[in-house]
C-alpha atoms as a PDB file:
ATOM      1  CA  MET A   1     112.684  52.399 146.637  1.00  0.00           C
ATOM      2  CA  SER A   2     114.928  51.949 149.528  1.00  0.00           C
ATOM      3  CA  PRO A   3     114.172  53.726 152.895  1.00  0.00           C
ATOM      4  CA  THR A   4     118.006  54.388 153.098  1.00  0.00           C
ATOM      5  CA  GLY A   5     119.112  54.800 149.492  1.00  0.00           C
ATOM      6  CA  GLY A   6     120.183  57.847 147.474  1.00  0.00           C
ATOM      7  CA  SER A   7     116.741  57.977 145.732  1.00  0.00           C
ATOM      8  CA  ARG A   8     115.063  58.496 148.974  1.00  0.00           C
ATOM      9  CA  LEU A   9     117.547  60.905 150.168  1.00  0.00           C
ATOM     10  CA  LEU A  10     116.840  63.064 146.951  1.00  0.00           C
ATOM     11  CA  PHE A  11     113.270  62.963 148.011  1.00  0.00           C
ATOM     12  CA  TYR A  12     113.934  64.178 151.263  1.00  0.00           C
ATOM     13  CA  LEU A  13     116.346  66.611 150.480  1.00  0.00           C
ATOM     14  CA  GLY A  14     113.858  68.126 147.977  1.00  0.00           C
ATOM     15  CA  GLU A  15     111.044  67.963 150.509  1.00  0.00           C
ATOM     16  CA  ALA A  16     113.297  70.206 152.978  1.00  0.00           C
ATOM     17  CA  GLY A  17     113.988  72.772 149.728  1.00  0.00           C
ATOM     18  CA  TYR A  18     117.386  71.701 148.915  1.00  0.00           C
ATOM     19  CA  PHE A  19     116.694  70.351 145.391  1.00  0.00           C
ATOM     20  CA  ARG A  20     113.573  71.368 143.128  1.00  0.00           C
ATOM     21  CA  ILE A  21     112.569  67.732 141.337  1.00  0.00           C
ATOM     22  CA  ILE A  22     111.028  67.908 138.026  1.00  0.00           C
ATOM     23  CA  ALA A  23     109.802  64.716 136.443  1.00  0.00           C
ATOM     24  CA  GLY A  24     108.053  63.874 133.098  1.00  0.00           C
ATOM     25  CA  ARG A  25     104.838  62.233 133.444  1.00  0.00           C
ATOM     26  CA  SER A  26     106.329  59.125 131.606  1.00  0.00           C
ATOM     27  CA  VAL A  27     108.934  58.892 134.223  1.00  0.00           C
ATOM     28  CA  ILE A  28     106.293  59.103 137.035  1.00  0.00           C
ATOM     29  CA  GLN A  29     104.289  56.412 135.190  1.00  0.00           C
ATOM     30  CA  GLU A  30     107.145  54.183 134.830  1.00  0.00           C
ATOM     31  CA  CYS A  31     108.112  54.442 138.751  1.00  0.00           C
ATOM     32  CA  ASN A  32     104.452  53.555 139.171  1.00  0.00           C
ATOM     33  CA  ASP A  33     104.643  50.558 137.070  1.00  0.00           C
ATOM     34  CA  VAL A  34     107.946  49.104 138.656  1.00  0.00           C
ATOM     35  CA  ILE A  35     106.379  49.463 142.004  1.00  0.00           C
ATOM     36  CA  ILE A  36     103.304  47.758 141.002  1.00  0.00           C
ATOM     37  CA  ARG A  37     105.148  44.983 139.403  1.00  0.00           C
ATOM     38  CA  LYS A  38     108.001  44.794 142.293  1.00  0.00           C
ATOM     39  CA  ALA A  39     106.267  46.001 145.418  1.00  0.00           C
ATOM     40  CA  PRO A  40     102.735  46.928 144.987  1.00  0.00           C
ATOM     41  CA  ALA A  41     102.148  47.120 148.815  1.00  0.00           C
ATOM     42  CA  ARG A  42     104.665  50.202 148.401  1.00  0.00           C
ATOM     43  CA  LEU A  43     102.296  52.271 145.893  1.00  0.00           C
ATOM     44  CA  HIS A  44     101.519  54.592 148.775  1.00  0.00           C
ATOM     45  CA  THR A  45     104.725  55.660 149.573  1.00  0.00           C
ATOM     46  CA  LEU A  46     105.583  57.083 146.154  1.00  0.00           C
ATOM     47  CA  ALA A  47     102.491  58.871 146.243  1.00  0.00           C
ATOM     48  CA  GLN A  48     103.484  60.309 149.487  1.00  0.00           C
ATOM     49  CA  LEU A  49     106.700  61.045 148.190  1.00  0.00           C
ATOM     50  CA  LEU A  50     105.759  63.009 145.197  1.00  0.00           C
ATOM     51  CA  ASP A  51     103.261  64.983 147.214  1.00  0.00           C
ATOM     52  CA  ALA A  52     105.537  65.900 150.314  1.00  0.00           C
ATOM     53  CA  THR A  53     108.447  66.866 147.782  1.00  0.00           C
ATOM     54  CA  GLY A  54     106.283  68.747 145.635  1.00  0.00           C
ATOM     55  CA  VAL A  55     107.348  67.074 142.406  1.00  0.00           C
ATOM     56  CA  LYS A  56     106.756  69.174 139.695  1.00  0.00           C
ATOM     57  CA  ILE A  57     105.233  67.528 136.134  1.00  0.00           C
ATOM     58  CA  GLY A  58     107.495  69.046 133.436  1.00  0.00           C
ATOM     59  CA  GLU A  59     105.681  70.110 130.223  1.00  0.00           C
ATOM     60  CA  ASN A  60     105.810  68.216 126.790  1.00  0.00           C
ATOM     61  CA  PRO A  61     109.090  69.238 125.116  1.00  0.00           C
ATOM     62  CA  LEU A  62     109.138  71.462 122.043  1.00  0.00           C
ATOM     63  CA  ASP A  63     109.832  69.875 118.683  1.00  0.00           C
ATOM     64  CA  GLU A  64     113.248  71.469 118.523  1.00  0.00           C
ATOM     65  CA  HIS A  65     114.349  69.519 121.759  1.00  0.00           C
ATOM     66  CA  THR A  66     113.033  66.296 120.666  1.00  0.00           C
ATOM     67  CA  GLN A  67     114.694  66.556 117.298  1.00  0.00           C
ATOM     68  CA  VAL A  68     118.042  66.887 119.373  1.00  0.00           C
ATOM     69  CA  ALA A  69     117.169  64.246 121.590  1.00  0.00           C
ATOM     70  CA  LYS A  70     116.359  61.620 118.737  1.00  0.00           C
ATOM     71  CA  GLN A  71     119.741  62.613 117.287  1.00  0.00           C
ATOM     72  CA  LEU A  72     121.449  61.635 120.651  1.00  0.00           C
ATOM     73  CA  LEU A  73     119.329  58.282 121.438  1.00  0.00           C
ATOM     74  CA  ASP A  74     118.386  55.639 119.553  1.00  0.00           C
ATOM     75  CA  TYR A  75     115.514  54.329 121.672  1.00  0.00           C
ATOM     76  CA  PRO A  76     112.246  56.669 121.234  1.00  0.00           C
ATOM     77  CA  PRO A  77     111.149  56.557 124.855  1.00  0.00           C
ATOM     78  CA  ASP A  78     114.085  57.634 126.400  1.00  0.00           C
ATOM     79  CA  ALA A  79     114.662  60.214 123.754  1.00  0.00           C
ATOM     80  CA  ILE A  80     111.289  61.838 124.837  1.00  0.00           C
ATOM     81  CA  VAL A  81     112.588  61.813 128.337  1.00  0.00           C
ATOM     82  CA  LEU A  82     115.729  63.380 127.182  1.00  0.00           C
ATOM     83  CA  ALA A  83     113.987  66.022 125.137  1.00  0.00           C
ATOM     84  CA  LYS A  84     112.147  66.823 128.432  1.00  0.00           C
ATOM     85  CA  ALA A  85     115.418  67.298 130.391  1.00  0.00           C
ATOM     86  CA  ILE A  86     116.945  69.463 127.655  1.00  0.00           C
ATOM     87  CA  GLN A  87     113.968  71.709 127.793  1.00  0.00           C
ATOM     88  CA  VAL A  88     114.024  72.310 131.681  1.00  0.00           C
ATOM     89  CA  ASP A  89     118.048  72.803 131.549  1.00  0.00           C
ATOM     90  CA  PRO A  90     118.326  71.233 135.240  1.00  0.00           C
ATOM     91  CA  ASP A  91     121.696  70.968 137.030  1.00  0.00           C
ATOM     92  CA  TRP A  92     121.451  67.317 137.066  1.00  0.00           C
ATOM     93  CA  PHE A  93     119.460  64.618 135.033  1.00  0.00           C
ATOM     94  CA  VAL A  94     119.151  61.627 137.755  1.00  0.00           C
ATOM     95  CA  THR A  95     118.766  58.156 136.463  1.00  0.00           C
ATOM     96  CA  HIS A  96     119.981  54.561 137.058  1.00  0.00           C
ATOM     97  CA  ASP A  97     119.869  53.877 133.147  1.00  0.00           C
ATOM     98  CA  ARG A  98     123.252  52.808 132.544  1.00  0.00           C
ATOM     99  CA  LYS A  99     122.736  52.071 128.681  1.00  0.00           C
ATOM    100  CA  HIS A 100     121.051  54.851 127.528  1.00  0.00           C
ATOM    101  CA  PHE A 101     122.336  57.430 129.665  1.00  0.00           C
ATOM    102  CA  LEU A 102     125.004  57.115 132.333  1.00  0.00           C
ATOM    103  CA  PHE A 103     127.671  55.540 129.942  1.00  0.00           C
ATOM    104  CA  ASN A 104     126.446  57.083 126.773  1.00  0.00           C
ATOM    105  CA  PRO A 105     129.216  59.544 125.315  1.00  0.00           C
ATOM    106  CA  ALA A 106     126.922  61.318 122.927  1.00  0.00           C
ATOM    107  CA  LEU A 107     125.521  63.057 125.947  1.00  0.00           C
ATOM    108  CA  ARG A 108     128.696  64.547 127.530  1.00  0.00           C
ATOM    109  CA  TYR A 109     128.219  67.769 125.750  1.00  0.00           C
ATOM    110  CA  LEU A 110     124.986  68.443 127.141  1.00  0.00           C
ATOM    111  CA  SER A 111     124.515  71.667 129.576  1.00  0.00           C
ATOM    112  CA  PHE A 112     123.553  69.484 132.435  1.00  0.00           C
ATOM    113  CA  ARG A 113     125.271  66.435 134.397  1.00  0.00           C
ATOM    114  CA  ILE A 114     123.771  63.043 134.161  1.00  0.00           C
ATOM    115  CA  GLY A 115     124.298  60.824 137.322  1.00  0.00           C
ATOM    116  CA  THR A 116     122.847  58.491 139.484  1.00  0.00           C
ATOM    117  CA  PRO A 117     121.126  59.825 143.037  1.00  0.00           C
ATOM    118  CA  GLY A 118     124.516  58.650 144.666  1.00  0.00           C
ATOM    119  CA  ASP A 119     126.585  60.946 142.228  1.00  0.00           C
ATOM    120  CA  VAL A 120     124.367  63.905 143.229  1.00  0.00           C
ATOM    121  CA  ILE A 121     124.579  63.370 146.812  1.00  0.00           C
ATOM    122  CA  GLN A 122     128.282  62.777 146.831  1.00  0.00           C
ATOM    123  CA  LEU A 123     128.891  65.995 144.665  1.00  0.00           C
ATOM    124  CA  HIS A 124     126.805  67.751 147.079  1.00  0.00           C
ATOM    125  CA  ARG A 125     128.515  66.618 150.150  1.00  0.00           C
ATOM    126  CA  ALA A 126     132.037  67.395 148.712  1.00  0.00           C
ATOM    127  CA  LEU A 127     130.739  71.066 148.404  1.00  0.00           C
END
């Protein structure tokens, strides 16, 4: 994670209380795996950010949310992530996944916005 990128800024804003960050266990594990693969020396940074920001780990989704998500996404691991988001009903679902989330027209009618960290920051700067 870049020390100056949008993801890092969201963590800082979360730490300052501007945002409440909720993530599923599988999302945290995926972040962990990517850091181990790409920059293992920075693994401590993720732990520090999660702790300082007070990231809340979301509950497992209800079956009804899982069924809705599976109808919208044909990739089971991401359907579970989406089901957790549907259950939490956030203002934003933040991702870099273009294929399954950002450019997926089936998701446009969800009650929350889907975007990159930069999208969230850009909108909040405009407010």
